[in-house]
Amino acid sequence: MRLNEALAGDALTRLKRAQGQLTAVVSMIEDGEECEKVLTQLAAVSKALDRAGFKLVASGLRHCQAARARGEQPPMDEAELEKLFLALA
């Protein structure tokens, strides 16, 4: 299944936000910030990445379900999507 901005939707927004957060974490380390602050922000980046991944899987499920409803062959089957989902867990 090929991704585009319409399919990625909210996941793309989350990834862009996480990109900015990660840049801030790198700057914090370079500036010698306290470990606790850096790790708190790093945890936020990690959570944002996880949520973006789950959003992509959910979008894929909806996309495949809509294809089936139209009588088309979906680009991925449930087993493939489950494998991707479990890779994120």
C-alpha atoms as a PDB file:
ATOM      1  CA  MET A   1       0.000   0.000   0.000  1.00  0.00           C
ATOM      2  CA  ARG A   2       1.483   3.300  -1.036  1.00  0.00           C
ATOM      3  CA  LEU A   3       1.148   6.213   1.345  1.00  0.00           C
ATOM      4  CA  ASN A   4       0.207   9.737   0.394  1.00  0.00           C
ATOM      5  CA  GLU A   5      -0.674  12.806   2.434  1.00  0.00           C
ATOM      6  CA  ALA A   6      -4.393  12.061   2.246  1.00  0.00           C
ATOM      7  CA  LEU A   7      -3.943   8.529   3.577  1.00  0.00           C
ATOM      8  CA  ALA A   8      -1.322   9.471   6.179  1.00  0.00           C
ATOM      9  CA  GLY A   9      -3.363  12.449   7.413  1.00  0.00           C
ATOM     10  CA  ASP A  10      -2.972  12.956  11.152  1.00  0.00           C
ATOM     11  CA  ALA A  11       0.041  10.629  11.271  1.00  0.00           C
ATOM     12  CA  LEU A  12       1.995  13.003   9.059  1.00  0.00           C
ATOM     13  CA  THR A  13       1.127  15.910  11.341  1.00  0.00           C
ATOM     14  CA  ARG A  14       2.292  13.904  14.343  1.00  0.00           C
ATOM     15  CA  LEU A  15       5.541  12.990  12.592  1.00  0.00           C
ATOM     16  CA  LYS A  16       6.281  16.609  11.760  1.00  0.00           C
ATOM     17  CA  ARG A  17       5.650  17.559  15.377  1.00  0.00           C
ATOM     18  CA  ALA A  18       7.918  14.725  16.557  1.00  0.00           C
ATOM     19  CA  GLN A  19      10.610  15.908  14.148  1.00  0.00           C
ATOM     20  CA  GLY A  20      10.555  19.312  15.820  1.00  0.00           C
ATOM     21  CA  GLN A  21      10.614  17.724  19.260  1.00  0.00           C
ATOM     22  CA  LEU A  22      13.594  15.565  18.313  1.00  0.00           C
ATOM     23  CA  THR A  23      15.477  18.601  17.032  1.00  0.00           C
ATOM     24  CA  ALA A  24      14.806  20.247  20.396  1.00  0.00           C
ATOM     25  CA  VAL A  25      16.095  17.175  22.257  1.00  0.00           C
ATOM     26  CA  VAL A  26      19.339  17.244  20.260  1.00  0.00           C
ATOM     27  CA  SER A  27      19.730  20.941  21.078  1.00  0.00           C
ATOM     28  CA  MET A  28      19.062  20.262  24.751  1.00  0.00           C
ATOM     29  CA  ILE A  29      21.856  17.697  24.838  1.00  0.00           C
ATOM     30  CA  GLU A  30      24.230  19.999  22.969  1.00  0.00           C
ATOM     31  CA  ASP A  31      23.385  22.805  25.412  1.00  0.00           C
ATOM     32  CA  GLY A  32      24.032  20.601  28.448  1.00  0.00           C
ATOM     33  CA  GLU A  33      20.465  20.469  29.792  1.00  0.00           C
ATOM     34  CA  GLU A  34      19.578  18.353  32.789  1.00  0.00           C
ATOM     35  CA  CYS A  35      19.223  14.638  32.077  1.00  0.00           C
ATOM     36  CA  GLU A  36      15.687  14.498  33.489  1.00  0.00           C
ATOM     37  CA  LYS A  37      14.453  17.234  31.135  1.00  0.00           C
ATOM     38  CA  VAL A  38      16.117  15.594  28.125  1.00  0.00           C
ATOM     39  CA  LEU A  39      14.671  12.174  28.914  1.00  0.00           C
ATOM     40  CA  THR A  40      11.200  13.621  29.482  1.00  0.00           C
ATOM     41  CA  GLN A  41      11.282  15.221  26.043  1.00  0.00           C
ATOM     42  CA  LEU A  42      12.762  12.096  24.475  1.00  0.00           C
ATOM     43  CA  ALA A  43       9.903  10.052  25.941  1.00  0.00           C
ATOM     44  CA  ALA A  44       7.453  12.514  24.358  1.00  0.00           C
ATOM     45  CA  VAL A  45       9.137  12.052  20.970  1.00  0.00           C
ATOM     46  CA  SER A  46       8.988   8.290  21.333  1.00  0.00           C
ATOM     47  CA  LYS A  47       5.287   8.374  22.207  1.00  0.00           C
ATOM     48  CA  ALA A  48       4.567  10.677  19.258  1.00  0.00           C
ATOM     49  CA  LEU A  49       6.333   8.279  16.893  1.00  0.00           C
ATOM     50  CA  ASP A  50       4.408   5.309  18.283  1.00  0.00           C
ATOM     51  CA  ARG A  51       1.088   7.098  17.923  1.00  0.00           C
ATOM     52  CA  ALA A  52       1.929   8.093  14.346  1.00  0.00           C
ATOM     53  CA  GLY A  53       2.651   4.465  13.528  1.00  0.00           C
ATOM     54  CA  PHE A  54      -0.625   3.307  15.048  1.00  0.00           C
ATOM     55  CA  LYS A  55      -2.458   6.008  13.108  1.00  0.00           C
ATOM     56  CA  LEU A  56      -0.904   4.715   9.877  1.00  0.00           C
ATOM     57  CA  VAL A  57      -2.015   1.157  10.637  1.00  0.00           C
ATOM     58  CA  ALA A  58      -5.531   2.402  11.441  1.00  0.00           C
ATOM     59  CA  SER A  59      -5.627   4.342   8.171  1.00  0.00           C
ATOM     60  CA  GLY A  60      -4.493   1.231   6.345  1.00  0.00           C
ATOM     61  CA  LEU A  61      -7.277  -0.800   7.935  1.00  0.00           C
ATOM     62  CA  ARG A  62      -9.877   1.778   6.916  1.00  0.00           C
ATOM     63  CA  HIS A  63      -8.425   1.994   3.389  1.00  0.00           C
ATOM     64  CA  CYS A  64      -8.506  -1.791   2.961  1.00  0.00           C
ATOM     65  CA  GLN A  65     -12.011  -2.042   4.389  1.00  0.00           C
ATOM     66  CA  ALA A  66     -13.256   0.640   1.969  1.00  0.00           C
ATOM     67  CA  ALA A  67     -11.661  -1.209  -0.957  1.00  0.00           C
ATOM     68  CA  ARG A  68     -13.474  -4.415   0.056  1.00  0.00           C
ATOM     69  CA  ALA A  69     -16.769  -2.525   0.392  1.00  0.00           C
ATOM     70  CA  ARG A  70     -16.339  -1.322  -3.197  1.00  0.00           C
ATOM     71  CA  GLY A  71     -15.722  -4.905  -4.329  1.00  0.00           C
ATOM     72  CA  GLU A  72     -12.023  -4.268  -4.974  1.00  0.00           C
ATOM     73  CA  GLN A  73      -9.010  -6.263  -3.865  1.00  0.00           C
ATOM     74  CA  PRO A  74      -7.428  -4.409  -0.911  1.00  0.00           C
ATOM     75  CA  PRO A  75      -3.719  -3.567  -1.224  1.00  0.00           C
ATOM     76  CA  MET A  76      -2.956  -5.520   1.978  1.00  0.00           C
ATOM     77  CA  ASP A  77      -4.649  -8.326   3.862  1.00  0.00           C
ATOM     78  CA  GLU A  78      -5.348  -8.519   7.580  1.00  0.00           C
ATOM     79  CA  ALA A  79      -2.287 -10.669   8.270  1.00  0.00           C
ATOM     80  CA  GLU A  80       0.042  -8.102   6.704  1.00  0.00           C
ATOM     81  CA  LEU A  81      -1.543  -5.246   8.665  1.00  0.00           C
ATOM     82  CA  GLU A  82      -1.411  -7.278  11.868  1.00  0.00           C
ATOM     83  CA  LYS A  83       2.291  -7.937  11.301  1.00  0.00           C
ATOM     84  CA  LEU A  84       2.916  -4.203  10.869  1.00  0.00           C
ATOM     85  CA  PHE A  85       0.869  -3.400  13.956  1.00  0.00           C
ATOM     86  CA  LEU A  86       2.806  -5.904  16.056  1.00  0.00           C
ATOM     87  CA  ALA A  87       6.088  -4.484  14.790  1.00  0.00           C
ATOM     88  CA  LEU A  88       5.117  -1.225  16.512  1.00  0.00           C
ATOM     89  CA  ALA A  89       4.170  -2.866  19.819  1.00  0.00           C
END
